[in-house]
């Protein structure tokens, strides 16, 4: 978590550190029309599939201006605490993840059961995802 007034370089510092570590940087494009479903889709496609399925180290930058609704914080909290968001995936999406990671599980010497494969996916998300909260102490 980085705290500081707006314009003091929190995001720049995060991007430089990410570049040095060769992590990709993701940040959601915020506008007033951003709905919770769009935010969840962003987390699925741009964050969790990149980190869990493709095994890419990723920094997700969240600033206080990105939090339009409190429900966004709940999703981020679940990511930080559990490494996953409950009830995020549809059945077809889970099946695709299981198919895509079956070989990875085999290489790791794990049982190729769907629950074990999903556990592998969540572990990879936890290991590869770094959430950076950039907040300002000034304002609401």
Protein backbone atom coordinates (compact mmCIF):
# COMPACT_ATOMS: atom_id res chain seq x y z
CA UNK A 1 0.00 0.00 0.00
CA UNK A 2 1.34 3.40 -0.99
CA UNK A 3 0.02 6.50 0.72
CA UNK A 4 0.61 10.05 -0.42
CA UNK A 5 -1.06 13.08 -1.88
CA UNK A 6 -2.04 13.03 -5.53
CA UNK A 7 0.84 13.67 -7.89
CA UNK A 8 3.64 12.53 -5.57
CA UNK A 9 4.67 9.58 -7.77
CA UNK A 10 2.96 6.54 -6.26
CA UNK A 11 1.98 5.09 -9.63
CA UNK A 12 5.32 5.95 -11.21
CA UNK A 13 7.15 4.20 -8.39
CA UNK A 14 4.95 1.13 -8.82
CA UNK A 15 5.52 1.05 -12.58
CA UNK A 16 9.29 1.42 -12.24
CA UNK A 17 9.47 -1.39 -9.66
CA UNK A 18 7.31 -3.59 -11.90
CA UNK A 19 9.52 -2.88 -14.89
CA UNK A 20 12.65 -3.79 -12.93
CA UNK A 21 11.07 -7.09 -11.85
CA UNK A 22 9.72 -7.71 -15.38
CA UNK A 23 6.12 -7.84 -14.15
CA UNK A 24 3.29 -6.70 -16.35
CA UNK A 25 1.21 -3.80 -15.02
CA UNK A 26 -2.58 -3.75 -15.17
CA UNK A 27 -4.86 -0.92 -14.23
CA UNK A 28 -8.54 -0.60 -14.95
CA UNK A 29 -9.81 2.24 -17.12
CA UNK A 30 -12.26 4.02 -14.84
CA UNK A 31 -15.23 5.99 -16.06
CA UNK A 32 -18.59 6.78 -14.53
CA UNK A 33 -20.25 4.02 -16.59
CA UNK A 34 -18.07 1.27 -15.09
CA UNK A 35 -20.41 -1.28 -13.56
CA UNK A 36 -19.67 -4.09 -11.14
CA UNK A 37 -20.07 -6.68 -13.91
CA UNK A 38 -17.47 -4.87 -16.05
CA UNK A 39 -15.10 -4.74 -13.09
CA UNK A 40 -15.55 -8.48 -12.50
CA UNK A 41 -14.94 -9.19 -16.20
CA UNK A 42 -11.74 -7.15 -16.04
CA UNK A 43 -10.58 -9.10 -13.00
CA UNK A 44 -11.35 -12.40 -14.74
CA UNK A 45 -9.80 -11.74 -18.13
CA UNK A 46 -7.03 -9.25 -17.42
CA UNK A 47 -5.93 -10.31 -13.96
CA UNK A 48 -6.83 -13.86 -12.93
CA UNK A 49 -6.49 -15.64 -16.27
CA UNK A 50 -3.15 -13.89 -16.89
CA UNK A 51 -1.75 -14.84 -13.49
CA UNK A 52 -3.36 -18.24 -12.95
CA UNK A 53 -3.60 -19.76 -16.40
CA UNK A 54 -0.76 -18.06 -18.28
CA UNK A 55 1.46 -17.91 -15.16
CA UNK A 56 2.46 -14.27 -15.73
CA UNK A 57 3.62 -12.13 -12.83
CA UNK A 58 1.30 -9.15 -12.74
CA UNK A 59 0.94 -5.97 -10.71
CA UNK A 60 -2.61 -4.70 -10.38
CA UNK A 61 -2.62 -1.01 -9.49
CA UNK A 62 -5.71 0.25 -7.68
CA UNK A 63 -5.99 3.90 -6.74
CA UNK A 64 -8.63 5.54 -4.60
CA UNK A 65 -10.20 7.12 -7.68
CA UNK A 66 -10.73 3.62 -9.16
CA UNK A 67 -13.08 2.67 -6.33
CA UNK A 68 -16.45 3.87 -7.58
CA UNK A 69 -18.54 1.50 -5.44
CA UNK A 70 -17.75 -0.15 -2.12
CA UNK A 71 -18.42 -3.55 -3.68
CA UNK A 72 -15.16 -3.10 -5.66
CA UNK A 73 -13.29 -3.07 -2.35
CA UNK A 74 -14.97 -6.31 -1.32
CA UNK A 75 -13.74 -7.99 -4.50
CA UNK A 76 -10.21 -6.68 -3.97
CA UNK A 77 -10.33 -7.79 -0.34
CA UNK A 78 -11.24 -11.33 -1.43
CA UNK A 79 -8.34 -11.30 -3.87
CA UNK A 80 -5.93 -10.22 -1.15
CA UNK A 81 -7.20 -12.63 1.51
CA UNK A 82 -8.09 -15.74 -0.49
CA UNK A 83 -6.45 -15.31 -3.86
CA UNK A 84 -9.85 -15.79 -5.46
CA UNK A 85 -13.29 -14.23 -5.68
CA UNK A 86 -16.21 -16.48 -4.71
CA UNK A 87 -18.84 -17.13 -7.41
CA UNK A 88 -16.86 -15.27 -10.06
CA UNK A 89 -16.58 -18.05 -12.63
CA UNK A 90 -19.32 -19.60 -14.73
CA UNK A 91 -19.29 -23.39 -15.12
CA UNK A 92 -18.01 -23.19 -18.73
CA UNK A 93 -15.17 -20.89 -17.65
CA UNK A 94 -14.14 -23.29 -14.88
CA UNK A 95 -14.18 -26.17 -17.34
CA UNK A 96 -11.90 -24.23 -19.70
CA UNK A 97 -9.46 -23.50 -16.86
CA UNK A 98 -9.46 -27.18 -15.91
CA UNK A 99 -8.77 -28.23 -19.51
CA UNK A 100 -5.99 -25.66 -19.91
CA UNK A 101 -4.23 -26.54 -16.65
CA UNK A 102 -4.59 -30.33 -16.80
CA UNK A 103 -1.10 -30.68 -18.33
CA UNK A 104 0.43 -28.31 -15.76
CA UNK A 105 -0.99 -30.43 -12.95
CA UNK A 106 0.40 -33.55 -14.60
CA UNK A 107 3.87 -31.97 -14.78
CA UNK A 108 3.65 -31.01 -11.10
CA UNK A 109 2.86 -34.62 -10.23
CA UNK A 110 -0.57 -33.79 -8.86
CA UNK A 111 -3.78 -35.70 -9.26
CA UNK A 112 -5.73 -34.57 -12.32
CA UNK A 113 -9.04 -34.08 -10.49
CA UNK A 114 -10.99 -30.87 -11.21
CA UNK A 115 -10.79 -29.61 -7.62
CA UNK A 116 -7.02 -30.12 -7.48
CA UNK A 117 -6.57 -28.38 -10.83
CA UNK A 118 -8.62 -25.39 -9.61
CA UNK A 119 -6.46 -25.33 -6.47
CA UNK A 120 -3.40 -25.14 -8.72
CA UNK A 121 -5.01 -22.21 -10.56
CA UNK A 122 -5.69 -20.36 -7.30
CA UNK A 123 -2.14 -21.01 -6.04
CA UNK A 124 -0.72 -19.59 -9.25
CA UNK A 125 -2.95 -16.52 -8.90
CA UNK A 126 -1.74 -16.00 -5.32
CA UNK A 127 1.91 -16.39 -6.32
CA UNK A 128 1.81 -14.21 -9.43
CA UNK A 129 -0.60 -11.43 -8.49
CA UNK A 130 0.62 -8.35 -6.66
CA UNK A 131 -2.05 -5.79 -5.76
CA UNK A 132 -0.77 -2.29 -5.11
CA UNK A 133 -3.17 0.11 -3.43
CA UNK A 134 -2.36 3.76 -4.13
CA UNK A 135 -4.40 5.91 -1.78
CA UNK A 136 -4.36 9.53 -0.79
CA UNK A 137 -4.89 10.55 2.86
CA UNK A 138 -6.71 13.66 1.64
CA UNK A 139 -10.39 13.45 0.72
CA UNK A 140 -13.26 11.12 1.54
